[in-house]
Amino acid sequence: MFKKSIYLLPALAVALFASSCKNLGEDKFMKTPSGLEYKLYTQKDGKYEVKEAKVDSAAYKAKLDKVMSFEMEYRNAKDSLLFSTKDNAMPIQIKMVASPNKGSIEEAFLMLDKGDSAVFKINADTLFAKTFRSPLPPFIEKGSFLTFFVKAINLQTEQEAMADYPKMMERQQKEMEARAAKQAPIDDKLIQEYVKKNNLQAQKTASGVYYVITQPGSGPNATDGKVVSVKYKGTLLNGKEFDSSDKSNGGKPIEFPLGQNQVIKGWEEGIKQFNKGSKGTLLIPSPQGYGSMARGAELPANSILRFDVELVDIKDAPAAPAGPAGGPAGPGAGL
């Protein structure tokens, strides 16, 4: 529930390469000297043609320190979608820099010019160790390869990219709001059917989160600014478990401050319906969860989430550190 917790021819690939590249699935992967496997295409006269990467060329060097915008998705060895910019309704922007991580995604991105499309095979161990700098997730096999489908849609200076970013964010926000407005009534109907089928005594918040109190606690409810400790188990409506404090936190409750957007919206609102010691269930529609963003095979896009929770404790947030003697109490104090 934490925000940080990230076919033969996938849908994005169809959009990137269109019908003008009929032999996409038949083209063989080429290799760079570092062993990076790729299929690279350039668009000419409305058609896609195979292109060979020219590393260290003048065009390659001209891209360094500029910002490239990409549409992208990547899949694991079992063809499960792990990430797509279509889910975010926004391309990713990456500064082009020469990297020592040969054979990884940094080298791959530098192969594309504006308008090019490509398919890359990237070693998962290298990607997570050297690029993401995080442990390999359990749903990705050690030693396996991830397949990236990429289209370079723009190349800009850093100043141009920074000027464009607020407009991109505004477009993303409108798109996400439109998706949420369309999905909300679908999810609400499914949740109502689930509540009725399971004979739950559920109440509904203003944003559409359903909650059931199975064991009352004591004292006031949790509020913004408080630090809460919560034990939980997360499942889909079909009962499939995707997360729990037992698995993610060694059986201990997780702790976080309310009102600081460190958890999904459904938790921010849902946990406020509980007081210390209470137990219950949250039924969270996808717009208040992860929306249209898939979180690997375990959490498809537009997943309705069920969380069985126990609010173990509610505490005051720690006091902010004091500022210098005679000065304000911290950054921005007194403004």
C-alpha atoms as a PDB file:
ATOM      1  CA  MET A   1       0.000   0.000   0.000  1.00  0.00           C
ATOM      2  CA  PHE A   2       3.042   2.256   0.207  1.00  0.00           C
ATOM      3  CA  LYS A   3       3.563   4.425  -2.855  1.00  0.00           C
ATOM      4  CA  LYS A   4       7.218   3.392  -3.025  1.00  0.00           C
ATOM      5  CA  SER A   5       6.483  -0.188  -2.254  1.00  0.00           C
ATOM      6  CA  ILE A   6       7.069   0.908  -8.614  1.00  0.00           C
ATOM      7  CA  TYR A   7       2.031 -11.704 -25.994  1.00  0.00           C
ATOM      8  CA  LEU A   8       3.816 -11.911 -28.580  1.00  0.00           C
ATOM      9  CA  LEU A   9       3.238  -8.272 -29.440  1.00  0.00           C
ATOM     10  CA  PRO A  10       2.055  -6.173 -26.448  1.00  0.00           C
ATOM     11  CA  ALA A  11      -0.403  -3.329 -26.848  1.00  0.00           C
ATOM     12  CA  LEU A  12       2.202  -0.598 -26.417  1.00  0.00           C
ATOM     13  CA  ALA A  13       4.414  -2.234 -29.023  1.00  0.00           C
ATOM     14  CA  VAL A  14       1.538  -2.047 -31.493  1.00  0.00           C
ATOM     15  CA  ALA A  15       1.173   1.663 -30.743  1.00  0.00           C
ATOM     16  CA  LEU A  16       4.920   2.268 -31.050  1.00  0.00           C
ATOM     17  CA  PHE A  17       5.563   0.373 -34.250  1.00  0.00           C
ATOM     18  CA  ALA A  18       2.097   0.276 -35.849  1.00  0.00           C
ATOM     19  CA  SER A  19       1.252  -1.927 -38.824  1.00  0.00           C
ATOM     20  CA  SER A  20       4.026  -0.416 -40.938  1.00  0.00           C
ATOM     21  CA  CYS A  21       6.554  -2.734 -39.292  1.00  0.00           C
ATOM     22  CA  LYS A  22       5.013  -6.097 -40.108  1.00  0.00           C
ATOM     23  CA  ASN A  23       8.167  -8.079 -39.422  1.00  0.00           C
ATOM     24  CA  LEU A  24       8.725  -6.821 -35.880  1.00  0.00           C
ATOM     25  CA  GLY A  25       8.251 -10.271 -34.365  1.00  0.00           C
ATOM     26  CA  GLU A  26      10.444 -11.890 -37.043  1.00  0.00           C
ATOM     27  CA  ASP A  27      13.471  -9.589 -36.936  1.00  0.00           C
ATOM     28  CA  LYS A  28      16.400 -11.086 -35.102  1.00  0.00           C
ATOM     29  CA  PHE A  29      17.984  -9.311 -32.154  1.00  0.00           C
ATOM     30  CA  MET A  30      21.319  -7.653 -32.873  1.00  0.00           C
ATOM     31  CA  LYS A  31      24.056  -7.249 -30.246  1.00  0.00           C
ATOM     32  CA  THR A  32      26.320  -4.423 -29.193  1.00  0.00           C
ATOM     33  CA  PRO A  33      29.960  -5.216 -28.250  1.00  0.00           C
ATOM     34  CA  SER A  34      28.817  -5.233 -24.607  1.00  0.00           C
ATOM     35  CA  GLY A  35      26.264  -7.967 -25.349  1.00  0.00           C
ATOM     36  CA  LEU A  36      23.138  -5.767 -25.230  1.00  0.00           C
ATOM     37  CA  GLU A  37      20.468  -7.374 -27.423  1.00  0.00           C
ATOM     38  CA  TYR A  38      18.330  -4.966 -29.429  1.00  0.00           C
ATOM     39  CA  LYS A  39      15.978  -4.384 -32.322  1.00  0.00           C
ATOM     40  CA  LEU A  40      16.198  -0.768 -33.443  1.00  0.00           C
ATOM     41  CA  TYR A  41      13.829   0.919 -35.892  1.00  0.00           C
ATOM     42  CA  THR A  42      13.670   4.337 -37.524  1.00  0.00           C
ATOM     43  CA  GLN A  43      10.603   5.809 -39.206  1.00  0.00           C
ATOM     44  CA  LYS A  44      10.935   6.872 -42.835  1.00  0.00           C
ATOM     45  CA  ASP A  45       8.083   7.843 -45.164  1.00  0.00           C
ATOM     46  CA  GLY A  46       5.547   6.510 -42.688  1.00  0.00           C
ATOM     47  CA  LYS A  47       7.201   3.101 -42.423  1.00  0.00           C
ATOM     48  CA  TYR A  48       9.572   1.578 -39.883  1.00  0.00           C
ATOM     49  CA  GLU A  49      12.923   0.288 -41.074  1.00  0.00           C
ATOM     50  CA  VAL A  50      15.542  -1.719 -39.211  1.00  0.00           C
ATOM     51  CA  LYS A  51      18.403   0.446 -38.029  1.00  0.00           C
ATOM     52  CA  GLU A  52      21.840  -0.467 -36.710  1.00  0.00           C
ATOM     53  CA  ALA A  53      23.113   1.299 -33.618  1.00  0.00           C
ATOM     54  CA  LYS A  54      26.082   3.598 -34.162  1.00  0.00           C
ATOM     55  CA  VAL A  55      27.814   3.968 -30.831  1.00  0.00           C
ATOM     56  CA  ASP A  56      30.305   6.828 -30.391  1.00  0.00           C
ATOM     57  CA  SER A  57      29.154   8.540 -33.592  1.00  0.00           C
ATOM     58  CA  ALA A  58      28.761  12.319 -33.796  1.00  0.00           C
ATOM     59  CA  ALA A  59      24.964  11.942 -33.456  1.00  0.00           C
ATOM     60  CA  TYR A  60      25.475   9.770 -30.378  1.00  0.00           C
ATOM     61  CA  LYS A  61      27.726  12.353 -28.724  1.00  0.00           C
ATOM     62  CA  ALA A  62      25.326  15.191 -29.592  1.00  0.00           C
ATOM     63  CA  LYS A  63      22.672  13.576 -27.381  1.00  0.00           C
ATOM     64  CA  LEU A  64      24.828  13.597 -24.255  1.00  0.00           C
ATOM     65  CA  ASP A  65      23.541  15.861 -21.465  1.00  0.00           C
ATOM     66  CA  LYS A  66      20.216  16.356 -23.253  1.00  0.00           C
ATOM     67  CA  VAL A  67      16.872  15.018 -22.016  1.00  0.00           C
ATOM     68  CA  MET A  68      15.023  12.336 -23.950  1.00  0.00           C
ATOM     69  CA  SER A  69      11.300  11.669 -23.438  1.00  0.00           C
ATOM     70  CA  PHE A  70      10.197   8.062 -23.845  1.00  0.00           C
ATOM     71  CA  GLU A  71       7.043   5.993 -24.053  1.00  0.00           C
ATOM     72  CA  MET A  72       7.994   2.638 -22.563  1.00  0.00           C
ATOM     73  CA  GLU A  73       6.875  -0.633 -21.082  1.00  0.00           C
ATOM     74  CA  TYR A  74       8.785  -3.637 -19.849  1.00  0.00           C
ATOM     75  CA  ARG A  75       7.845  -7.249 -19.189  1.00  0.00           C
ATOM     76  CA  ASN A  76       9.383 -10.185 -17.360  1.00  0.00           C
ATOM     77  CA  ALA A  77      10.414 -13.536 -18.848  1.00  0.00           C
ATOM     78  CA  LYS A  78       6.836 -14.796 -18.462  1.00  0.00           C
ATOM     79  CA  ASP A  79       5.534 -11.796 -20.443  1.00  0.00           C
ATOM     80  CA  SER A  80       3.830 -10.234 -17.410  1.00  0.00           C
ATOM     81  CA  LEU A  81       3.638  -6.446 -17.664  1.00  0.00           C
ATOM     82  CA  LEU A  82       5.742  -4.820 -14.933  1.00  0.00           C
ATOM     83  CA  PHE A  83       5.633  -1.153 -15.958  1.00  0.00           C
ATOM     84  CA  SER A  84       4.068   1.036 -18.629  1.00  0.00           C
ATOM     85  CA  THR A  85       4.089   4.789 -19.166  1.00  0.00           C
ATOM     86  CA  LYS A  86       0.528   4.352 -20.463  1.00  0.00           C
ATOM     87  CA  ASP A  87      -0.479   3.574 -16.869  1.00  0.00           C
ATOM     88  CA  ASN A  88       1.053   6.858 -15.713  1.00  0.00           C
ATOM     89  CA  ALA A  89      -0.464   8.836 -18.618  1.00  0.00           C
ATOM     90  CA  MET A  90       2.927  10.493 -18.944  1.00  0.00           C
ATOM     91  CA  PRO A  91       6.216   9.699 -20.734  1.00  0.00           C
ATOM     92  CA  ILE A  92       9.420   9.415 -18.748  1.00  0.00           C
ATOM     93  CA  GLN A  93      12.209  11.966 -19.144  1.00  0.00           C
ATOM     94  CA  ILE A  94      15.804  10.791 -18.839  1.00  0.00           C
ATOM     95  CA  LYS A  95      19.035  12.767 -19.071  1.00  0.00           C
ATOM     96  CA  MET A  96      21.363  11.180 -21.602  1.00  0.00           C
ATOM     97  CA  VAL A  97      24.704  10.459 -19.958  1.00  0.00           C
ATOM     98  CA  ALA A  98      27.519   8.080 -20.818  1.00  0.00           C
ATOM     99  CA  SER A  99      27.354   5.268 -18.280  1.00  0.00           C
ATOM    100  CA  PRO A 100      29.788   2.543 -17.222  1.00  0.00           C
ATOM    101  CA  ASN A 101      26.797   0.183 -16.947  1.00  0.00           C
ATOM    102  CA  LYS A 102      27.440  -1.515 -20.268  1.00  0.00           C
ATOM    103  CA  GLY A 103      24.705  -3.833 -21.441  1.00  0.00           C
ATOM    104  CA  SER A 104      22.084  -2.120 -19.296  1.00  0.00           C
ATOM    105  CA  ILE A 105      19.275   0.307 -20.015  1.00  0.00           C
ATOM    106  CA  GLU A 106      21.486   3.424 -19.925  1.00  0.00           C
ATOM    107  CA  GLU A 107      23.386   2.168 -22.960  1.00  0.00           C
ATOM    108  CA  ALA A 108      20.118   1.201 -24.640  1.00  0.00           C
ATOM    109  CA  PHE A 109      18.531   4.649 -24.332  1.00  0.00           C
ATOM    110  CA  LEU A 110      21.524   6.320 -25.953  1.00  0.00           C
ATOM    111  CA  MET A 111      21.030   4.189 -29.065  1.00  0.00           C
ATOM    112  CA  LEU A 112      17.778   5.947 -29.977  1.00  0.00           C
ATOM    113  CA  ASP A 113      17.304   9.170 -31.878  1.00  0.00           C
ATOM    114  CA  LYS A 114      14.087  11.185 -31.700  1.00  0.00           C
ATOM    115  CA  GLY A 115      11.288   9.201 -33.356  1.00  0.00           C
ATOM    116  CA  ASP A 116      13.093   5.844 -33.145  1.00  0.00           C
ATOM    117  CA  SER A 117      11.524   2.747 -31.589  1.00  0.00           C
ATOM    118  CA  ALA A 118      13.273  -0.268 -30.136  1.00  0.00           C
ATOM    119  CA  VAL A 119      13.016  -3.567 -28.303  1.00  0.00           C
ATOM    120  CA  PHE A 120      15.733  -4.371 -25.760  1.00  0.00           C
ATOM    121  CA  LYS A 121      16.564  -7.422 -23.683  1.00  0.00           C
ATOM    122  CA  ILE A 122      18.086  -6.354 -20.371  1.00  0.00           C
ATOM    123  CA  ASN A 123      19.560  -8.650 -17.717  1.00  0.00           C
ATOM    124  CA  ALA A 124      17.342  -8.245 -14.640  1.00  0.00           C
ATOM    125  CA  ASP A 125      20.194  -8.666 -12.135  1.00  0.00           C
ATOM    126  CA  THR A 126      22.237  -5.919 -13.820  1.00  0.00           C
ATOM    127  CA  LEU A 127      19.250  -3.602 -14.111  1.00  0.00           C
ATOM    128  CA  PHE A 128      18.250  -3.768 -10.450  1.00  0.00           C
ATOM    129  CA  ALA A 129      21.782  -3.842  -9.033  1.00  0.00           C
ATOM    130  CA  LYS A 130      23.358  -1.087 -11.131  1.00  0.00           C
ATOM    131  CA  THR A 131      20.483   1.071 -12.416  1.00  0.00           C
ATOM    132  CA  PHE A 132      17.652   0.786  -9.870  1.00  0.00           C
ATOM    133  CA  ARG A 133      20.115   0.033  -7.032  1.00  0.00           C
ATOM    134  CA  SER A 134      17.597  -2.145  -5.248  1.00  0.00           C
ATOM    135  CA  PRO A 135      17.152  -5.881  -4.546  1.00  0.00           C
ATOM    136  CA  LEU A 136      15.659  -8.050  -7.255  1.00  0.00           C
ATOM    137  CA  PRO A 137      11.886  -8.353  -6.573  1.00  0.00           C
ATOM    138  CA  PRO A 138      10.645 -11.877  -5.766  1.00  0.00           C
ATOM    139  CA  PHE A 139       8.434 -11.983  -8.879  1.00  0.00           C
ATOM    140  CA  ILE A 140      11.476 -11.617 -11.180  1.00  0.00           C
ATOM    141  CA  GLU A 141      13.675 -14.670 -11.580  1.00  0.00           C
ATOM    142  CA  LYS A 142      17.382 -14.308 -10.873  1.00  0.00           C
ATOM    143  CA  GLY A 143      19.373 -14.438 -14.119  1.00  0.00           C
ATOM    144  CA  SER A 144      16.305 -13.727 -16.270  1.00  0.00           C
ATOM    145  CA  PHE A 145      15.914 -10.990 -18.873  1.00  0.00           C
ATOM    146  CA  LEU A 146      13.348  -8.193 -19.069  1.00  0.00           C
ATOM    147  CA  THR A 147      12.039  -7.072 -22.452  1.00  0.00           C
ATOM    148  CA  PHE A 148      11.683  -3.309 -22.979  1.00  0.00           C
ATOM    149  CA  PHE A 149       9.525  -1.742 -25.699  1.00  0.00           C
ATOM    150  CA  VAL A 150      10.592   1.883 -26.150  1.00  0.00           C
ATOM    151  CA  LYS A 151       9.808   4.879 -28.361  1.00  0.00           C
ATOM    152  CA  ALA A 152      11.818   8.123 -28.202  1.00  0.00           C
ATOM    153  CA  ILE A 153       9.326  10.953 -28.633  1.00  0.00           C
ATOM    154  CA  ASN A 154      11.403  14.063 -27.925  1.00  0.00           C
ATOM    155  CA  LEU A 155      14.948  15.307 -27.359  1.00  0.00           C
ATOM    156  CA  GLN A 156      15.465  18.604 -25.525  1.00  0.00           C
ATOM    157  CA  THR A 157      17.951  20.612 -23.561  1.00  0.00           C
ATOM    158  CA  GLU A 158      17.539  20.475 -19.784  1.00  0.00           C
ATOM    159  CA  GLN A 159      16.072  23.998 -19.818  1.00  0.00           C
ATOM    160  CA  GLU A 160      13.491  23.049 -22.456  1.00  0.00           C
ATOM    161  CA  ALA A 161      12.561  19.869 -20.581  1.00  0.00           C
ATOM    162  CA  MET A 162      12.139  21.768 -17.297  1.00  0.00           C
ATOM    163  CA  ALA A 163       9.898  24.313 -19.014  1.00  0.00           C
ATOM    164  CA  ASP A 164       7.799  21.499 -20.496  1.00  0.00           C
ATOM    165  CA  TYR A 165       7.460  19.515 -17.278  1.00  0.00           C
ATOM    166  CA  PRO A 166       4.602  21.494 -15.642  1.00  0.00           C
ATOM    167  CA  LYS A 167       2.548  21.136 -18.844  1.00  0.00           C
ATOM    168  CA  MET A 168       3.185  17.396 -18.869  1.00  0.00           C
ATOM    169  CA  MET A 169       2.133  17.148 -15.216  1.00  0.00           C
ATOM    170  CA  GLU A 170      -1.062  19.084 -15.937  1.00  0.00           C
ATOM    171  CA  ARG A 171      -1.913  16.783 -18.857  1.00  0.00           C
ATOM    172  CA  GLN A 172      -1.185  13.738 -16.685  1.00  0.00           C
ATOM    173  CA  GLN A 173      -3.410  15.016 -13.870  1.00  0.00           C
ATOM    174  CA  LYS A 174      -6.337  15.604 -16.228  1.00  0.00           C
ATOM    175  CA  GLU A 175      -5.917  12.185 -17.812  1.00  0.00           C
ATOM    176  CA  MET A 176      -5.730  10.425 -14.439  1.00  0.00           C
ATOM    177  CA  GLU A 177      -8.800  12.290 -13.188  1.00  0.00           C
ATOM    178  CA  ALA A 178     -10.724  11.310 -16.321  1.00  0.00           C
ATOM    179  CA  ARG A 179      -9.731   7.656 -15.864  1.00  0.00           C
ATOM    180  CA  ALA A 180     -10.723   7.737 -12.190  1.00  0.00           C
ATOM    181  CA  ALA A 181     -14.119   9.296 -12.972  1.00  0.00           C
ATOM    182  CA  LYS A 182     -14.798   6.537 -15.506  1.00  0.00           C
ATOM    183  CA  GLN A 183     -13.591   3.683 -13.281  1.00  0.00           C
ATOM    184  CA  ALA A 184     -15.151   4.806  -9.966  1.00  0.00           C
ATOM    185  CA  PRO A 185     -18.773   3.725 -10.662  1.00  0.00           C
ATOM    186  CA  ILE A 186     -17.566   0.364 -12.040  1.00  0.00           C
ATOM    187  CA  ASP A 187     -15.578  -0.319  -8.865  1.00  0.00           C
ATOM    188  CA  ASP A 188     -18.375   0.899  -6.604  1.00  0.00           C
ATOM    189  CA  LYS A 189     -20.825  -1.565  -8.143  1.00  0.00           C
ATOM    190  CA  LEU A 190     -18.342  -4.444  -7.710  1.00  0.00           C
ATOM    191  CA  ILE A 191     -17.685  -3.487  -4.087  1.00  0.00           C
ATOM    192  CA  GLN A 192     -21.416  -3.282  -3.307  1.00  0.00           C
ATOM    193  CA  GLU A 193     -21.904  -6.757  -4.791  1.00  0.00           C
ATOM    194  CA  TYR A 194     -18.967  -8.045  -2.722  1.00  0.00           C
ATOM    195  CA  VAL A 195     -20.369  -6.475   0.470  1.00  0.00           C
ATOM    196  CA  LYS A 196     -23.783  -8.014  -0.126  1.00  0.00           C
ATOM    197  CA  LYS A 197     -22.396 -11.443  -1.029  1.00  0.00           C
ATOM    198  CA  ASN A 198     -20.214 -11.550   2.101  1.00  0.00           C
ATOM    199  CA  ASN A 199     -22.882 -10.017   4.375  1.00  0.00           C
ATOM    200  CA  LEU A 200     -20.591  -7.188   5.526  1.00  0.00           C
ATOM    201  CA  GLN A 201     -21.860  -4.261   7.598  1.00  0.00           C
ATOM    202  CA  ALA A 202     -19.904  -1.676   5.625  1.00  0.00           C
ATOM    203  CA  GLN A 203     -19.922   2.087   5.695  1.00  0.00           C
ATOM    204  CA  LYS A 204     -18.703   4.351   2.897  1.00  0.00           C
ATOM    205  CA  THR A 205     -16.495   7.454   3.029  1.00  0.00           C
ATOM    206  CA  ALA A 206     -16.972  10.525   0.863  1.00  0.00           C
ATOM    207  CA  SER A 207     -14.377   9.341  -1.681  1.00  0.00           C
ATOM    208  CA  GLY A 208     -15.870   5.858  -2.016  1.00  0.00           C
ATOM    209  CA  VAL A 209     -13.734   3.805   0.385  1.00  0.00           C
ATOM    210  CA  TYR A 210     -15.779   1.170   2.248  1.00  0.00           C
ATOM    211  CA  TYR A 211     -14.865   0.184   5.798  1.00  0.00           C
ATOM    212  CA  VAL A 212     -16.050  -2.365   8.334  1.00  0.00           C
ATOM    213  CA  ILE A 213     -15.231  -2.156  12.054  1.00  0.00           C
ATOM    214  CA  THR A 214     -15.066  -5.713  13.400  1.00  0.00           C
ATOM    215  CA  GLN A 215     -13.514  -4.869  16.802  1.00  0.00           C
ATOM    216  CA  PRO A 216     -13.957  -1.400  18.338  1.00  0.00           C
ATOM    217  CA  GLY A 217     -10.989   0.271  19.978  1.00  0.00           C
ATOM    218  CA  SER A 218     -10.766   3.112  22.453  1.00  0.00           C
ATOM    219  CA  GLY A 219     -10.157   6.829  22.346  1.00  0.00           C
ATOM    220  CA  PRO A 220     -10.366   9.229  19.380  1.00  0.00           C
ATOM    221  CA  ASN A 221      -9.893   8.222  15.765  1.00  0.00           C
ATOM    222  CA  ALA A 222      -6.589   8.689  13.981  1.00  0.00           C
ATOM    223  CA  THR A 223      -6.171  12.111  12.375  1.00  0.00           C
ATOM    224  CA  ASP A 224      -3.745  13.941  10.088  1.00  0.00           C
ATOM    225  CA  GLY A 225      -0.485  14.716  11.827  1.00  0.00           C
ATOM    226  CA  LYS A 226      -0.569  11.587  13.981  1.00  0.00           C
ATOM    227  CA  VAL A 227       1.825   8.672  13.523  1.00  0.00           C
ATOM    228  CA  VAL A 228      -0.031   5.369  13.273  1.00  0.00           C
ATOM    229  CA  SER A 229       1.141   1.760  13.641  1.00  0.00           C
ATOM    230  CA  VAL A 230      -0.851  -0.716  11.570  1.00  0.00           C
ATOM    231  CA  LYS A 231      -0.864  -4.471  11.038  1.00  0.00           C
ATOM    232  CA  TYR A 232      -2.436  -5.475   7.743  1.00  0.00           C
ATOM    233  CA  LYS A 233      -3.064  -8.110   5.107  1.00  0.00           C
ATOM    234  CA  GLY A 234      -3.847  -7.043   1.557  1.00  0.00           C
ATOM    235  CA  THR A 235      -5.832  -9.189  -0.869  1.00  0.00           C
ATOM    236  CA  LEU A 236      -7.794  -8.790  -4.080  1.00  0.00           C
ATOM    237  CA  LEU A 237     -11.538  -9.426  -3.980  1.00  0.00           C
ATOM    238  CA  ASN A 238     -10.864 -12.975  -5.185  1.00  0.00           C
ATOM    239  CA  GLY A 239      -8.930 -13.610  -1.959  1.00  0.00           C
ATOM    240  CA  LYS A 240      -5.457 -13.628  -3.528  1.00  0.00           C
ATOM    241  CA  GLU A 241      -2.979 -12.115  -1.068  1.00  0.00           C
ATOM    242  CA  PHE A 242      -0.467  -9.616  -2.473  1.00  0.00           C
ATOM    243  CA  ASP A 243       1.031  -8.056   0.663  1.00  0.00           C
ATOM    244  CA  SER A 244       1.017  -8.121   4.467  1.00  0.00           C
ATOM    245  CA  SER A 245       2.909  -6.707   7.424  1.00  0.00           C
ATOM    246  CA  ASP A 246       3.886 -10.291   8.267  1.00  0.00           C
ATOM    247  CA  LYS A 247       5.656 -10.622   4.915  1.00  0.00           C
ATOM    248  CA  SER A 248       6.878  -7.060   4.413  1.00  0.00           C
ATOM    249  CA  ASN A 249       7.767  -6.079   7.961  1.00  0.00           C
ATOM    250  CA  GLY A 250       8.616  -9.305   9.789  1.00  0.00           C
ATOM    251  CA  GLY A 251       5.269  -9.487  11.572  1.00  0.00           C
ATOM    252  CA  LYS A 252       5.656  -6.034  13.105  1.00  0.00           C
ATOM    253  CA  PRO A 253       3.168  -3.231  12.382  1.00  0.00           C
ATOM    254  CA  ILE A 254       4.219  -0.591   9.864  1.00  0.00           C
ATOM    255  CA  GLU A 255       4.449   2.979  11.093  1.00  0.00           C
ATOM    256  CA  PHE A 256       3.792   6.167   9.120  1.00  0.00           C
ATOM    257  CA  PRO A 257       2.422   9.702   9.568  1.00  0.00           C
ATOM    258  CA  LEU A 258      -1.072  10.439   8.313  1.00  0.00           C
ATOM    259  CA  GLY A 259      -1.645  13.390   6.007  1.00  0.00           C
ATOM    260  CA  GLN A 260       1.737  13.308   4.273  1.00  0.00           C
ATOM    261  CA  ASN A 261       0.790  11.185   1.248  1.00  0.00           C
ATOM    262  CA  GLN A 262       3.137   8.367   2.214  1.00  0.00           C
ATOM    263  CA  VAL A 263       0.424   5.792   1.563  1.00  0.00           C
ATOM    264  CA  ILE A 264      -2.284   5.365  -1.059  1.00  0.00           C
ATOM    265  CA  LYS A 265      -5.355   7.609  -0.813  1.00  0.00           C
ATOM    266  CA  GLY A 266      -7.581   4.759   0.335  1.00  0.00           C
ATOM    267  CA  TRP A 267      -5.374   4.247   3.379  1.00  0.00           C
ATOM    268  CA  GLU A 268      -5.120   7.958   4.155  1.00  0.00           C
ATOM    269  CA  GLU A 269      -8.903   8.172   4.397  1.00  0.00           C
ATOM    270  CA  GLY A 270      -9.661   4.636   5.572  1.00  0.00           C
ATOM    271  CA  ILE A 271      -7.295   4.537   8.565  1.00  0.00           C
ATOM    272  CA  LYS A 272      -8.941   7.707   9.908  1.00  0.00           C
ATOM    273  CA  GLN A 273     -12.107   5.661  10.511  1.00  0.00           C
ATOM    274  CA  PHE A 274     -10.292   3.618  13.185  1.00  0.00           C
ATOM    275  CA  ASN A 275      -9.169   4.311  16.738  1.00  0.00           C
ATOM    276  CA  LYS A 276      -6.461   2.683  18.839  1.00  0.00           C
ATOM    277  CA  GLY A 277      -6.882  -1.071  19.182  1.00  0.00           C
ATOM    278  CA  SER A 278      -9.651  -1.348  16.588  1.00  0.00           C
ATOM    279  CA  LYS A 279      -9.719  -3.957  13.829  1.00  0.00           C
ATOM    280  CA  GLY A 280     -11.594  -4.057  10.572  1.00  0.00           C
ATOM    281  CA  THR A 281     -11.583  -4.148   6.810  1.00  0.00           C
ATOM    282  CA  LEU A 282     -10.990  -1.564   4.096  1.00  0.00           C
ATOM    283  CA  LEU A 283     -12.387  -2.041   0.586  1.00  0.00           C
ATOM    284  CA  ILE A 284     -10.576   0.401  -1.648  1.00  0.00           C
ATOM    285  CA  PRO A 285     -11.697   1.237  -5.212  1.00  0.00           C
ATOM    286  CA  SER A 286      -8.831   1.379  -7.687  1.00  0.00           C
ATOM    287  CA  PRO A 287      -8.812   5.203  -8.087  1.00  0.00           C
ATOM    288  CA  GLN A 288      -8.047   5.388  -4.358  1.00  0.00           C
ATOM    289  CA  GLY A 289      -5.439   2.617  -4.681  1.00  0.00           C
ATOM    290  CA  TYR A 290      -3.060   2.145  -7.595  1.00  0.00           C
ATOM    291  CA  GLY A 291      -5.490   3.223 -10.307  1.00  0.00           C
ATOM    292  CA  SER A 292      -4.759   2.059 -13.829  1.00  0.00           C
ATOM    293  CA  MET A 293      -1.167   1.235 -12.897  1.00  0.00           C
ATOM    294  CA  ALA A 294      -0.368  -2.475 -12.801  1.00  0.00           C
ATOM    295  CA  ARG A 295       2.025  -3.574 -10.057  1.00  0.00           C
ATOM    296  CA  GLY A 296       3.262  -6.725 -11.684  1.00  0.00           C
ATOM    297  CA  ALA A 297       1.232  -9.894 -12.197  1.00  0.00           C
ATOM    298  CA  GLU A 298      -0.046  -9.869  -8.597  1.00  0.00           C
ATOM    299  CA  LEU A 299      -1.743  -6.480  -8.922  1.00  0.00           C
ATOM    300  CA  PRO A 300      -3.365  -5.898 -12.336  1.00  0.00           C
ATOM    301  CA  ALA A 301      -4.488  -2.452 -13.452  1.00  0.00           C
ATOM    302  CA  ASN A 302      -7.713  -1.173 -11.836  1.00  0.00           C
ATOM    303  CA  SER A 303      -7.473  -3.605  -8.914  1.00  0.00           C
ATOM    304  CA  ILE A 304      -9.965  -3.212  -6.065  1.00  0.00           C
ATOM    305  CA  LEU A 305      -8.069  -3.788  -2.816  1.00  0.00           C
ATOM    306  CA  ARG A 306      -9.178  -5.405   0.428  1.00  0.00           C
ATOM    307  CA  PHE A 307      -7.118  -4.748   3.550  1.00  0.00           C
ATOM    308  CA  ASP A 308      -7.762  -6.427   6.904  1.00  0.00           C
ATOM    309  CA  VAL A 309      -6.202  -4.005   9.370  1.00  0.00           C
ATOM    310  CA  GLU A 310      -5.491  -3.531  13.066  1.00  0.00           C
ATOM    311  CA  LEU A 311      -4.663  -0.036  14.289  1.00  0.00           C
ATOM    312  CA  VAL A 312      -2.122  -0.953  16.958  1.00  0.00           C
ATOM    313  CA  ASP A 313      -1.170   2.545  18.102  1.00  0.00           C
ATOM    314  CA  ILE A 314      -1.640   6.272  17.498  1.00  0.00           C
ATOM    315  CA  LYS A 315       1.122   8.651  18.577  1.00  0.00           C
ATOM    316  CA  ASP A 316       2.003  12.296  18.270  1.00  0.00           C
ATOM    317  CA  ALA A 317       4.523  13.100  15.561  1.00  0.00           C
ATOM    318  CA  PRO A 318       8.033  13.792  16.904  1.00  0.00           C
ATOM    319  CA  ALA A 319       8.777  17.452  17.537  1.00  0.00           C
ATOM    320  CA  ALA A 320      10.647  19.290  14.787  1.00  0.00           C
ATOM    321  CA  PRO A 321      14.311  19.951  15.619  1.00  0.00           C
ATOM    322  CA  ALA A 322      14.937  23.315  17.216  1.00  0.00           C
ATOM    323  CA  GLY A 323      16.631  26.024  15.166  1.00  0.00           C
ATOM    324  CA  PRO A 324      19.677  28.070  16.172  1.00  0.00           C
ATOM    325  CA  ALA A 325      19.378  30.066  19.385  1.00  0.00           C
ATOM    326  CA  GLY A 326      17.468  33.298  18.798  1.00  0.00           C
ATOM    327  CA  GLY A 327      16.455  32.178  15.327  1.00  0.00           C
ATOM    328  CA  PRO A 328      13.354  30.576  13.893  1.00  0.00           C
ATOM    329  CA  ALA A 329      12.481  26.990  14.880  1.00  0.00           C
ATOM    330  CA  GLY A 330      13.181  25.510  11.453  1.00  0.00           C
ATOM    331  CA  PRO A 331      13.125  26.086   7.709  1.00  0.00           C
ATOM    332  CA  GLY A 332      10.315  28.430   6.796  1.00  0.00           C
ATOM    333  CA  ALA A 333       9.353  29.130  10.398  1.00  0.00           C
ATOM    334  CA  GLY A 334       7.641  32.466  10.882  1.00  0.00           C
ATOM    335  CA  LEU A 335       6.981  32.931   7.167  1.00  0.00           C
END
